[in-house]
N, C-alpha and C. Protein backbone atom coordinates (compact mmCIF):
# COMPACT_ATOMS: atom_id res chain seq x y z
N MET A 1 0.84 -1.20 0.00
CA MET A 1 0.00 0.00 0.00
C MET A 1 0.87 1.24 0.00
N SER A 2 0.39 2.30 -0.55
CA SER A 2 1.13 3.55 -0.54
C SER A 2 0.69 4.40 0.63
N HIS A 3 1.30 5.58 0.79
CA HIS A 3 0.97 6.46 1.90
C HIS A 3 0.16 7.65 1.42
N SER A 4 -0.57 7.50 0.36
CA SER A 4 -1.26 8.63 -0.22
C SER A 4 -2.47 9.08 0.57
N THR A 5 -2.96 8.28 1.52
CA THR A 5 -4.18 8.70 2.18
C THR A 5 -4.00 9.34 3.54
N THR A 6 -3.04 8.97 4.35
CA THR A 6 -3.06 9.42 5.72
C THR A 6 -1.76 10.06 6.13
N PRO A 7 -1.77 10.71 7.31
CA PRO A 7 -0.59 11.38 7.77
C PRO A 7 0.55 10.47 8.11
N MET A 8 0.34 9.18 8.31
CA MET A 8 1.39 8.32 8.78
C MET A 8 1.34 6.94 8.14
N ARG A 9 2.46 6.17 8.30
CA ARG A 9 2.63 4.94 7.57
C ARG A 9 1.54 3.92 7.82
N PRO A 10 1.19 3.57 9.09
CA PRO A 10 0.23 2.50 9.23
C PRO A 10 -1.10 2.82 8.58
N LEU A 11 -1.43 4.08 8.43
CA LEU A 11 -2.71 4.46 7.81
C LEU A 11 -2.43 4.89 6.40
N ARG A 12 -2.04 3.96 5.55
CA ARG A 12 -1.48 4.33 4.25
C ARG A 12 -2.57 4.70 3.28
N SER A 13 -3.75 4.56 3.63
CA SER A 13 -4.81 4.81 2.66
C SER A 13 -5.75 5.96 3.08
N LEU A 14 -5.56 7.36 3.53
CA LEU A 14 -6.60 8.47 3.82
C LEU A 14 -7.16 9.07 2.59
N THR A 15 -7.67 10.40 3.05
CA THR A 15 -8.46 11.32 3.56
C THR A 15 -9.75 11.12 3.63
N TRP A 16 -10.74 10.44 4.84
CA TRP A 16 -12.13 10.54 5.39
C TRP A 16 -12.93 9.76 4.84
N ALA A 17 -10.50 9.52 4.02
CA ALA A 17 -10.87 9.56 3.56
C ALA A 17 -11.05 8.88 3.56
N ALA A 18 -12.57 8.73 4.78
CA ALA A 18 -12.95 8.44 4.63
C ALA A 18 -13.13 8.29 3.90
N THR A 19 -12.57 8.33 7.74
CA THR A 19 -12.85 7.67 8.04
C THR A 19 -13.90 7.60 7.63
N LEU A 20 -13.63 9.27 9.48
CA LEU A 20 -13.93 9.41 9.39
C LEU A 20 -14.01 8.35 8.95
N THR A 21 -12.85 0.86 5.95
CA THR A 21 -14.19 0.99 6.12
C THR A 21 -14.70 0.38 4.89
N ALA A 22 -15.10 -1.46 4.62
CA ALA A 22 -15.03 -2.20 3.35
C ALA A 22 -16.36 -2.19 2.63
N GLY A 23 -16.33 -1.77 1.39
CA GLY A 23 -17.57 -1.63 0.67
C GLY A 23 -18.18 -0.27 0.90
N ALA A 24 -19.49 -0.18 1.07
CA ALA A 24 -20.15 1.10 1.29
C ALA A 24 -19.97 1.54 2.74
N TRP A 25 -20.06 2.92 3.00
CA TRP A 25 -19.89 3.39 4.37
C TRP A 25 -20.91 4.42 4.73
N LEU A 26 -20.69 4.96 5.92
CA LEU A 26 -21.56 5.98 6.50
C LEU A 26 -22.88 5.38 6.94
N ILE A 27 -22.82 4.24 7.65
CA ILE A 27 -24.03 3.75 8.30
C ILE A 27 -24.05 4.40 9.67
N GLY A 28 -24.95 5.31 9.93
CA GLY A 28 -24.93 6.13 11.14
C GLY A 28 -25.87 5.60 12.18
N LEU A 29 -25.58 5.91 13.44
CA LEU A 29 -26.43 5.54 14.54
C LEU A 29 -26.63 6.74 15.45
N PRO A 30 -27.83 7.35 15.50
CA PRO A 30 -28.03 8.42 16.46
C PRO A 30 -27.74 7.89 17.85
N ILE A 31 -27.04 8.63 18.68
CA ILE A 31 -26.70 8.20 20.02
C ILE A 31 -27.98 8.13 20.84
N ALA A 32 -28.29 6.95 21.35
CA ALA A 32 -29.57 6.75 22.00
C ALA A 32 -29.39 6.46 23.47
N SER A 33 -30.45 6.71 24.26
CA SER A 33 -30.42 6.41 25.68
C SER A 33 -30.70 4.93 25.88
N ALA A 34 -30.58 4.47 27.12
CA ALA A 34 -30.78 3.06 27.41
C ALA A 34 -32.22 2.64 27.14
N GLN A 35 -33.17 3.62 27.11
CA GLN A 35 -34.56 3.27 26.89
C GLN A 35 -34.92 3.13 25.41
N THR A 36 -34.00 3.46 24.51
CA THR A 36 -34.30 3.39 23.08
C THR A 36 -34.48 1.94 22.64
N PRO A 37 -35.55 1.60 21.92
CA PRO A 37 -35.74 0.21 21.47
C PRO A 37 -34.58 -0.24 20.61
N ALA A 38 -34.18 -1.50 20.78
CA ALA A 38 -33.01 -2.01 20.08
C ALA A 38 -33.29 -2.26 18.61
N GLN A 39 -34.59 -2.40 18.23
CA GLN A 39 -34.92 -2.78 16.86
C GLN A 39 -35.73 -1.70 16.16
N ALA A 40 -35.34 -0.45 16.33
CA ALA A 40 -36.03 0.64 15.65
C ALA A 40 -35.83 0.53 14.14
N GLN A 41 -36.76 1.10 13.36
CA GLN A 41 -36.69 1.04 11.91
C GLN A 41 -35.53 1.88 11.39
N PRO A 42 -34.86 1.45 10.29
CA PRO A 42 -33.79 2.25 9.69
C PRO A 42 -34.31 3.59 9.20
N ILE A 43 -33.43 4.60 9.20
CA ILE A 43 -33.77 5.95 8.76
C ILE A 43 -32.81 6.33 7.65
N ALA A 44 -33.29 7.00 6.61
CA ALA A 44 -32.41 7.40 5.51
C ALA A 44 -31.34 8.35 6.01
N VAL A 45 -30.10 8.16 5.50
CA VAL A 45 -28.99 8.99 5.95
C VAL A 45 -29.24 10.46 5.65
N GLU A 46 -29.96 10.75 4.55
CA GLU A 46 -30.17 12.14 4.19
C GLU A 46 -30.86 12.91 5.31
N ASN A 47 -31.57 12.19 6.22
CA ASN A 47 -32.24 12.86 7.32
C ASN A 47 -31.27 13.48 8.31
N VAL A 48 -29.99 13.16 8.22
CA VAL A 48 -29.02 13.79 9.11
C VAL A 48 -29.06 15.30 8.95
N CYS A 49 -29.48 15.80 7.80
CA CYS A 49 -29.57 17.24 7.57
C CYS A 49 -30.94 17.80 7.92
N HIS A 50 -31.86 16.95 8.40
CA HIS A 50 -33.20 17.42 8.74
C HIS A 50 -33.68 16.92 10.09
N GLN A 51 -33.02 15.93 10.66
CA GLN A 51 -33.46 15.34 11.91
C GLN A 51 -33.23 16.30 13.07
N THR A 52 -33.83 15.95 14.23
CA THR A 52 -33.69 16.77 15.42
C THR A 52 -32.73 16.16 16.44
N SER A 53 -32.18 14.98 16.16
CA SER A 53 -31.25 14.34 17.10
C SER A 53 -30.04 15.22 17.36
N ALA A 54 -29.60 15.26 18.61
CA ALA A 54 -28.45 16.09 18.97
C ALA A 54 -27.15 15.50 18.45
N SER A 55 -27.07 14.15 18.40
CA SER A 55 -25.83 13.50 17.97
C SER A 55 -26.14 12.32 17.06
N THR A 56 -25.22 12.07 16.14
CA THR A 56 -25.33 10.95 15.21
C THR A 56 -23.97 10.31 15.05
N VAL A 57 -23.92 8.98 15.04
CA VAL A 57 -22.69 8.25 14.78
C VAL A 57 -22.71 7.76 13.33
N LEU A 58 -21.64 8.03 12.61
CA LEU A 58 -21.52 7.59 11.22
C LEU A 58 -20.39 6.57 11.12
N ARG A 59 -20.66 5.46 10.45
CA ARG A 59 -19.64 4.42 10.27
C ARG A 59 -19.55 4.06 8.80
N GLY A 60 -18.36 3.77 8.32
CA GLY A 60 -18.22 3.36 6.94
C GLY A 60 -16.78 3.28 6.48
N THR A 61 -16.53 3.62 5.20
CA THR A 61 -15.19 3.55 4.63
C THR A 61 -14.91 4.72 3.72
N TYR A 62 -13.62 4.97 3.48
CA TYR A 62 -13.21 5.84 2.37
C TYR A 62 -12.05 5.14 1.65
N GLN A 63 -11.81 5.52 0.42
CA GLN A 63 -10.84 4.76 -0.39
C GLN A 63 -10.22 5.65 -1.47
N LEU A 64 -8.90 5.68 -1.50
CA LEU A 64 -8.20 6.36 -2.59
C LEU A 64 -8.08 5.43 -3.79
N GLU A 65 -7.84 6.01 -4.94
CA GLU A 65 -7.64 5.20 -6.15
C GLU A 65 -6.47 4.25 -5.92
N GLY A 66 -6.69 2.97 -6.21
CA GLY A 66 -5.65 1.98 -6.07
C GLY A 66 -5.40 1.51 -4.65
N GLU A 67 -6.21 1.98 -3.69
CA GLU A 67 -6.03 1.60 -2.29
C GLU A 67 -7.25 0.85 -1.79
N GLY A 68 -7.07 0.11 -0.69
CA GLY A 68 -8.19 -0.58 -0.08
C GLY A 68 -8.97 0.35 0.83
N PRO A 69 -10.22 0.01 1.14
CA PRO A 69 -11.05 0.83 2.02
C PRO A 69 -10.57 0.75 3.47
N LEU A 70 -10.71 1.84 4.19
CA LEU A 70 -10.37 1.88 5.61
C LEU A 70 -11.61 2.22 6.43
N PRO A 71 -11.76 1.58 7.61
CA PRO A 71 -12.90 1.87 8.46
C PRO A 71 -12.77 3.25 9.10
N ILE A 72 -13.91 3.94 9.21
CA ILE A 72 -13.94 5.23 9.89
C ILE A 72 -15.21 5.31 10.72
N GLU A 73 -15.11 5.91 11.89
CA GLU A 73 -16.28 6.11 12.75
C GLU A 73 -16.26 7.55 13.23
N LEU A 74 -17.36 8.27 12.99
CA LEU A 74 -17.43 9.69 13.32
C LEU A 74 -18.65 9.96 14.18
N VAL A 75 -18.51 10.90 15.12
CA VAL A 75 -19.64 11.39 15.90
C VAL A 75 -19.93 12.82 15.48
N LEU A 76 -21.14 13.06 14.97
CA LEU A 76 -21.58 14.40 14.59
C LEU A 76 -22.49 14.94 15.68
N THR A 77 -22.09 16.05 16.31
CA THR A 77 -22.88 16.68 17.35
C THR A 77 -23.44 17.99 16.83
N SER A 78 -24.75 18.12 16.82
CA SER A 78 -25.39 19.30 16.26
C SER A 78 -25.07 20.54 17.08
N ARG A 79 -24.75 21.63 16.41
CA ARG A 79 -24.47 22.92 17.06
C ARG A 79 -25.73 23.77 16.98
N GLU A 80 -26.33 24.03 18.12
CA GLU A 80 -27.58 24.78 18.15
C GLU A 80 -27.34 26.27 17.94
N GLY A 81 -28.38 26.95 17.47
CA GLY A 81 -28.32 28.40 17.31
C GLY A 81 -27.64 28.87 16.05
N THR A 82 -27.37 27.96 15.11
CA THR A 82 -26.74 28.35 13.85
C THR A 82 -27.80 28.47 12.76
N SER A 83 -27.49 29.24 11.71
CA SER A 83 -28.46 29.48 10.65
C SER A 83 -28.61 28.28 9.71
N SER A 84 -27.68 27.34 9.75
CA SER A 84 -27.76 26.14 8.93
C SER A 84 -27.39 24.94 9.79
N ARG A 85 -27.60 23.74 9.27
CA ARG A 85 -27.25 22.53 10.01
C ARG A 85 -25.74 22.41 10.10
N LEU A 86 -25.22 22.59 11.30
CA LEU A 86 -23.78 22.60 11.55
C LEU A 86 -23.47 21.59 12.63
N PHE A 87 -22.40 20.80 12.43
CA PHE A 87 -22.05 19.74 13.37
C PHE A 87 -20.58 19.82 13.77
N GLN A 88 -20.30 19.54 15.02
CA GLN A 88 -18.93 19.29 15.47
C GLN A 88 -18.64 17.82 15.20
N VAL A 89 -17.45 17.53 14.66
CA VAL A 89 -17.10 16.16 14.29
C VAL A 89 -15.91 15.68 15.11
N THR A 90 -16.03 14.51 15.70
CA THR A 90 -14.90 13.81 16.31
C THR A 90 -14.99 12.35 15.86
N GLY A 91 -13.85 11.66 15.86
CA GLY A 91 -13.90 10.27 15.45
C GLY A 91 -12.55 9.61 15.34
N LEU A 92 -12.58 8.40 14.80
CA LEU A 92 -11.38 7.59 14.62
C LEU A 92 -11.37 6.98 13.23
N ILE A 93 -10.18 6.80 12.70
CA ILE A 93 -10.00 6.02 11.47
C ILE A 93 -8.96 4.95 11.79
N ALA A 94 -9.12 3.78 11.19
CA ALA A 94 -8.31 2.65 11.61
C ALA A 94 -7.72 1.90 10.44
N GLU A 95 -6.51 1.36 10.67
CA GLU A 95 -5.93 0.36 9.77
C GLU A 95 -5.31 -0.70 10.66
N GLY A 96 -5.93 -1.86 10.70
CA GLY A 96 -5.46 -2.88 11.61
C GLY A 96 -5.60 -2.42 13.05
N GLU A 97 -4.53 -2.54 13.82
CA GLU A 97 -4.56 -2.15 15.23
C GLU A 97 -4.29 -0.67 15.44
N HIS A 98 -3.97 0.06 14.41
CA HIS A 98 -3.64 1.47 14.54
C HIS A 98 -4.89 2.33 14.49
N ARG A 99 -4.91 3.41 15.31
CA ARG A 99 -6.03 4.34 15.37
C ARG A 99 -5.52 5.76 15.21
N PHE A 100 -6.29 6.58 14.49
CA PHE A 100 -5.93 7.97 14.28
C PHE A 100 -7.14 8.85 14.51
N GLY A 101 -6.91 10.02 15.09
CA GLY A 101 -8.00 10.90 15.46
C GLY A 101 -8.50 11.75 14.31
N VAL A 102 -9.80 12.04 14.35
CA VAL A 102 -10.44 12.93 13.38
C VAL A 102 -11.19 14.01 14.16
N THR A 103 -10.93 15.28 13.86
CA THR A 103 -11.64 16.38 14.49
C THR A 103 -11.98 17.43 13.44
N GLY A 104 -13.07 18.15 13.66
CA GLY A 104 -13.42 19.22 12.73
C GLY A 104 -14.89 19.51 12.74
N MET A 105 -15.43 19.85 11.57
CA MET A 105 -16.83 20.23 11.46
C MET A 105 -17.45 19.63 10.21
N ALA A 106 -18.79 19.55 10.24
CA ALA A 106 -19.56 19.15 9.06
C ALA A 106 -20.76 20.07 8.97
N TYR A 107 -21.28 20.22 7.77
CA TYR A 107 -22.44 21.09 7.59
C TYR A 107 -23.25 20.65 6.38
N CYS A 108 -24.53 20.97 6.41
CA CYS A 108 -25.43 20.66 5.31
C CYS A 108 -25.42 21.81 4.32
N THR A 109 -25.31 21.47 3.04
CA THR A 109 -25.22 22.50 2.02
C THR A 109 -25.90 22.01 0.75
N GLY A 110 -25.86 22.80 -0.30
CA GLY A 110 -26.48 22.43 -1.56
C GLY A 110 -27.97 22.71 -1.58
N LYS A 111 -28.59 22.42 -2.70
CA LYS A 111 -30.03 22.63 -2.86
C LYS A 111 -30.79 21.75 -1.88
N ALA A 112 -31.64 22.38 -1.08
CA ALA A 112 -32.46 21.65 -0.10
C ALA A 112 -31.61 20.84 0.89
N ASN A 113 -30.41 21.35 1.19
CA ASN A 113 -29.51 20.64 2.11
C ASN A 113 -29.32 19.19 1.68
N ASP A 114 -29.01 18.99 0.40
CA ASP A 114 -28.87 17.64 -0.12
C ASP A 114 -27.43 17.13 -0.13
N THR A 115 -26.52 17.90 0.46
CA THR A 115 -25.11 17.53 0.52
C THR A 115 -24.59 17.70 1.94
N LEU A 116 -23.82 16.73 2.40
CA LEU A 116 -23.15 16.83 3.70
C LEU A 116 -21.67 17.05 3.45
N ALA A 117 -21.16 18.20 3.87
CA ALA A 117 -19.76 18.57 3.65
C ALA A 117 -18.98 18.46 4.95
N PHE A 118 -17.70 18.10 4.84
CA PHE A 118 -16.82 17.94 5.99
C PHE A 118 -15.55 18.75 5.80
N ASP A 119 -15.12 19.43 6.85
CA ASP A 119 -13.80 20.04 6.92
C ASP A 119 -13.16 19.55 8.20
N VAL A 120 -12.21 18.62 8.09
CA VAL A 120 -11.66 17.94 9.26
C VAL A 120 -10.14 17.82 9.15
N THR A 121 -9.55 17.52 10.30
CA THR A 121 -8.13 17.20 10.37
C THR A 121 -7.98 15.78 10.91
N MET A 122 -7.17 14.97 10.24
CA MET A 122 -6.82 13.64 10.70
C MET A 122 -5.38 13.69 11.19
N SER A 123 -5.13 13.14 12.37
CA SER A 123 -3.78 13.22 12.92
C SER A 123 -3.44 11.95 13.67
N GLY A 124 -2.14 11.67 13.75
CA GLY A 124 -1.68 10.49 14.46
C GLY A 124 -0.22 10.22 14.15
N GLY A 125 0.21 9.00 14.38
CA GLY A 125 1.61 8.67 14.14
C GLY A 125 1.89 7.21 14.45
N PHE A 126 3.17 6.86 14.37
CA PHE A 126 3.59 5.52 14.75
C PHE A 126 4.93 5.61 15.46
N TYR A 127 5.25 4.59 16.25
CA TYR A 127 6.46 4.61 17.07
C TYR A 127 7.35 3.42 16.75
N ASP A 128 8.63 3.69 16.46
CA ASP A 128 9.65 2.66 16.30
C ASP A 128 9.16 1.53 15.38
N THR A 129 8.81 1.91 14.16
CA THR A 129 8.26 0.99 13.18
C THR A 129 9.26 0.72 12.06
N PRO A 130 9.35 -0.50 11.53
CA PRO A 130 10.27 -0.76 10.41
C PRO A 130 10.00 0.18 9.24
N VAL A 131 11.06 0.67 8.62
CA VAL A 131 10.95 1.59 7.48
C VAL A 131 10.78 0.78 6.20
N ASP A 132 9.69 1.00 5.48
CA ASP A 132 9.46 0.28 4.23
C ASP A 132 10.01 1.09 3.06
N ASP A 133 9.84 0.57 1.85
CA ASP A 133 10.42 1.21 0.67
C ASP A 133 9.89 2.63 0.45
N GLU A 134 8.62 2.84 0.72
CA GLU A 134 8.06 4.17 0.49
C GLU A 134 8.61 5.19 1.48
N LEU A 135 8.66 4.83 2.77
CA LEU A 135 9.21 5.76 3.76
C LEU A 135 10.70 6.00 3.54
N ARG A 136 11.39 5.00 3.01
CA ARG A 136 12.83 5.12 2.79
C ARG A 136 13.16 6.28 1.86
N ARG A 137 12.21 6.70 1.03
CA ARG A 137 12.45 7.81 0.12
C ARG A 137 12.62 9.14 0.84
N ALA A 138 12.26 9.19 2.12
CA ALA A 138 12.42 10.43 2.89
C ALA A 138 13.87 10.71 3.22
N TRP A 139 14.75 9.73 3.06
CA TRP A 139 16.17 9.90 3.36
C TRP A 139 17.00 9.80 2.08
N PRO A 140 18.21 10.35 2.09
CA PRO A 140 19.12 10.15 0.95
C PRO A 140 19.39 8.66 0.76
N ALA A 141 19.74 8.27 -0.44
CA ALA A 141 20.00 6.86 -0.75
C ALA A 141 21.01 6.27 0.23
N GLY A 142 20.67 5.15 0.82
CA GLY A 142 21.55 4.45 1.74
C GLY A 142 21.57 5.02 3.15
N LYS A 143 20.81 6.07 3.44
CA LYS A 143 20.85 6.72 4.75
C LYS A 143 19.64 6.43 5.63
N ALA A 144 18.66 5.74 5.10
CA ALA A 144 17.45 5.48 5.88
C ALA A 144 17.74 4.52 7.03
N PRO A 145 17.18 4.78 8.22
CA PRO A 145 17.35 3.86 9.34
C PRO A 145 16.50 2.61 9.14
N GLN A 146 16.75 1.59 9.93
CA GLN A 146 15.94 0.38 9.86
C GLN A 146 14.55 0.61 10.45
N ARG A 147 14.48 1.48 11.47
CA ARG A 147 13.22 1.77 12.15
C ARG A 147 13.09 3.27 12.33
N ALA A 148 11.85 3.75 12.42
CA ALA A 148 11.63 5.19 12.59
C ALA A 148 10.29 5.42 13.27
N SER A 149 10.14 6.64 13.80
CA SER A 149 8.87 7.09 14.37
C SER A 149 8.36 8.27 13.55
N SER A 150 7.06 8.56 13.68
CA SER A 150 6.48 9.60 12.84
C SER A 150 5.25 10.21 13.48
N ALA A 151 4.97 11.46 13.13
CA ALA A 151 3.70 12.10 13.43
C ALA A 151 3.29 12.89 12.20
N GLY A 152 1.99 13.02 12.00
CA GLY A 152 1.55 13.73 10.80
C GLY A 152 0.10 14.14 10.87
N THR A 153 -0.28 14.97 9.90
CA THR A 153 -1.66 15.43 9.80
C THR A 153 -2.11 15.43 8.35
N SER A 154 -3.40 15.30 8.16
CA SER A 154 -4.04 15.51 6.87
C SER A 154 -5.20 16.47 7.07
N VAL A 155 -5.20 17.55 6.31
CA VAL A 155 -6.31 18.50 6.33
C VAL A 155 -7.24 18.13 5.18
N VAL A 156 -8.50 17.85 5.49
CA VAL A 156 -9.40 17.20 4.53
C VAL A 156 -10.68 18.01 4.30
N HIS A 157 -11.07 18.12 3.04
CA HIS A 157 -12.42 18.58 2.70
C HIS A 157 -13.10 17.46 1.93
N ALA A 158 -14.32 17.11 2.34
CA ALA A 158 -15.07 16.05 1.67
C ALA A 158 -16.52 16.46 1.52
N GLU A 159 -17.18 15.97 0.48
CA GLU A 159 -18.60 16.23 0.27
C GLU A 159 -19.30 14.95 -0.17
N VAL A 160 -20.48 14.73 0.40
CA VAL A 160 -21.27 13.54 0.11
C VAL A 160 -22.64 13.98 -0.40
N ALA A 161 -23.02 13.53 -1.60
CA ALA A 161 -24.37 13.76 -2.12
C ALA A 161 -25.30 12.76 -1.46
N LEU A 162 -26.22 13.24 -0.64
CA LEU A 162 -27.03 12.34 0.16
C LEU A 162 -27.99 11.50 -0.67
N ALA A 163 -28.40 11.97 -1.83
CA ALA A 163 -29.32 11.20 -2.68
C ALA A 163 -28.65 9.95 -3.25
N SER A 164 -27.41 10.08 -3.69
CA SER A 164 -26.70 8.94 -4.29
C SER A 164 -25.79 8.23 -3.30
N MET A 165 -25.51 8.86 -2.15
CA MET A 165 -24.59 8.35 -1.15
C MET A 165 -23.21 8.10 -1.73
N GLN A 166 -22.80 8.95 -2.66
CA GLN A 166 -21.45 8.93 -3.20
C GLN A 166 -20.82 10.30 -3.02
N GLY A 167 -19.50 10.32 -2.86
CA GLY A 167 -18.84 11.60 -2.65
C GLY A 167 -17.35 11.51 -2.91
N TRP A 168 -16.66 12.57 -2.50
CA TRP A 168 -15.23 12.68 -2.77
C TRP A 168 -14.57 13.38 -1.59
N ALA A 169 -13.25 13.24 -1.51
CA ALA A 169 -12.45 13.93 -0.49
C ALA A 169 -11.15 14.40 -1.12
N GLU A 170 -10.71 15.58 -0.73
CA GLU A 170 -9.42 16.13 -1.14
C GLU A 170 -8.66 16.49 0.13
N ALA A 171 -7.35 16.20 0.16
CA ALA A 171 -6.59 16.42 1.38
C ALA A 171 -5.18 16.92 1.09
N MET A 172 -4.63 17.61 2.10
CA MET A 172 -3.22 18.00 2.10
C MET A 172 -2.57 17.29 3.28
N ARG A 173 -1.58 16.43 3.00
CA ARG A 173 -0.98 15.59 4.03
C ARG A 173 0.50 15.90 4.21
N THR A 174 0.92 15.95 5.48
CA THR A 174 2.33 16.16 5.82
C THR A 174 2.73 15.17 6.90
N ILE A 175 3.90 14.53 6.73
CA ILE A 175 4.44 13.58 7.70
C ILE A 175 5.85 14.02 8.09
N VAL A 176 6.14 14.01 9.39
CA VAL A 176 7.49 14.29 9.87
C VAL A 176 8.02 13.04 10.55
N LEU A 177 9.21 12.58 10.10
CA LEU A 177 9.79 11.33 10.60
C LEU A 177 11.04 11.60 11.43
N THR A 178 11.51 10.54 12.09
CA THR A 178 12.74 10.59 12.86
C THR A 178 13.84 11.29 12.08
N GLY A 179 14.60 12.17 12.76
CA GLY A 179 15.69 12.89 12.10
C GLY A 179 15.22 14.10 11.32
N GLN A 180 13.99 14.59 11.63
CA GLN A 180 13.43 15.77 10.97
C GLN A 180 13.25 15.58 9.47
N ARG A 181 13.02 14.36 9.05
CA ARG A 181 12.73 14.10 7.65
C ARG A 181 11.26 14.40 7.40
N VAL A 182 10.96 15.16 6.37
CA VAL A 182 9.59 15.61 6.10
C VAL A 182 9.10 15.05 4.77
N MET A 183 7.92 14.47 4.78
CA MET A 183 7.26 14.02 3.55
C MET A 183 6.03 14.90 3.34
N GLY A 184 6.00 15.66 2.27
CA GLY A 184 4.90 16.57 2.02
C GLY A 184 5.30 18.01 2.25
N PRO A 185 4.28 18.91 2.23
CA PRO A 185 2.87 18.60 2.05
C PRO A 185 2.56 18.03 0.67
N LYS A 186 1.57 17.15 0.64
CA LYS A 186 1.21 16.46 -0.59
C LYS A 186 -0.31 16.43 -0.74
N HIS A 187 -0.80 16.61 -1.97
CA HIS A 187 -2.23 16.55 -2.23
C HIS A 187 -2.65 15.12 -2.54
N VAL A 188 -3.75 14.69 -1.93
CA VAL A 188 -4.30 13.35 -2.19
C VAL A 188 -5.81 13.46 -2.40
N SER A 189 -6.37 12.51 -3.15
CA SER A 189 -7.80 12.51 -3.46
C SER A 189 -8.41 11.15 -3.12
N ALA A 190 -9.70 11.15 -2.84
CA ALA A 190 -10.41 9.89 -2.55
C ALA A 190 -11.81 9.92 -3.13
N LYS A 191 -12.35 8.74 -3.39
CA LYS A 191 -13.75 8.58 -3.80
C LYS A 191 -14.50 7.92 -2.66
N LEU A 192 -15.71 8.39 -2.38
CA LEU A 192 -16.51 7.89 -1.28
C LEU A 192 -17.77 7.21 -1.79
N VAL A 193 -18.10 6.06 -1.19
CA VAL A 193 -19.35 5.37 -1.49
C VAL A 193 -19.98 5.01 -0.16
N PHE A 194 -21.22 5.42 0.06
CA PHE A 194 -21.86 5.26 1.36
C PHE A 194 -23.06 4.32 1.31
N SER A 195 -23.41 3.79 2.48
CA SER A 195 -24.62 2.99 2.62
C SER A 195 -25.84 3.90 2.58
N PRO A 196 -26.95 3.45 2.01
CA PRO A 196 -28.14 4.29 1.92
C PRO A 196 -28.97 4.36 3.19
N GLU A 197 -28.58 3.64 4.24
CA GLU A 197 -29.38 3.63 5.45
C GLU A 197 -28.53 3.88 6.68
N ARG A 198 -29.20 4.38 7.70
CA ARG A 198 -28.59 4.56 9.00
C ARG A 198 -29.52 3.93 10.02
N ALA A 199 -29.05 2.92 10.77
CA ALA A 199 -29.91 2.27 11.77
C ALA A 199 -29.88 3.06 13.07
N ARG A 200 -31.03 3.13 13.74
CA ARG A 200 -31.10 3.86 15.00
C ARG A 200 -30.39 3.07 16.09
């Protein structure tokens, strides 16, 4: 896998992109109390821009060209008192045992609020990990260490058309490795495909 999607090596496939995940994604779950029935009927995802729930959990995948899908889980918390549907976003994106944080905002836009847009930052890193061929390019030929640590960020904008549950993400990613070696900033793109339903 390449490192075109995320700020760091273990998450080689970002932006949101989407986690913020195999096949279709964005199956959301409004955060419910203990009294909420376990078998409530599914609700269309597009209702996230019209519902009255204070919080919604979104689960799914994002995938760059030539990369595999990565799982992402996001919590959207509605911000009251705004002129449009505005959400605070927190969440995680995962590759194997590695986890990376997602923070930022989402908002409803487009005709009749038919698009859900995201502006988020994905951040994380890895510690004392073997250097593969792609990371080795951060050092002069023959100078790469056997192992390295890293921290990085990806600044992401993504939009999802709620009617088709398909969307895209564009990101700027930067990684800093052991010895002050810097990869980026680099532009990366992703295609998003979402599930048409969100279970309560």
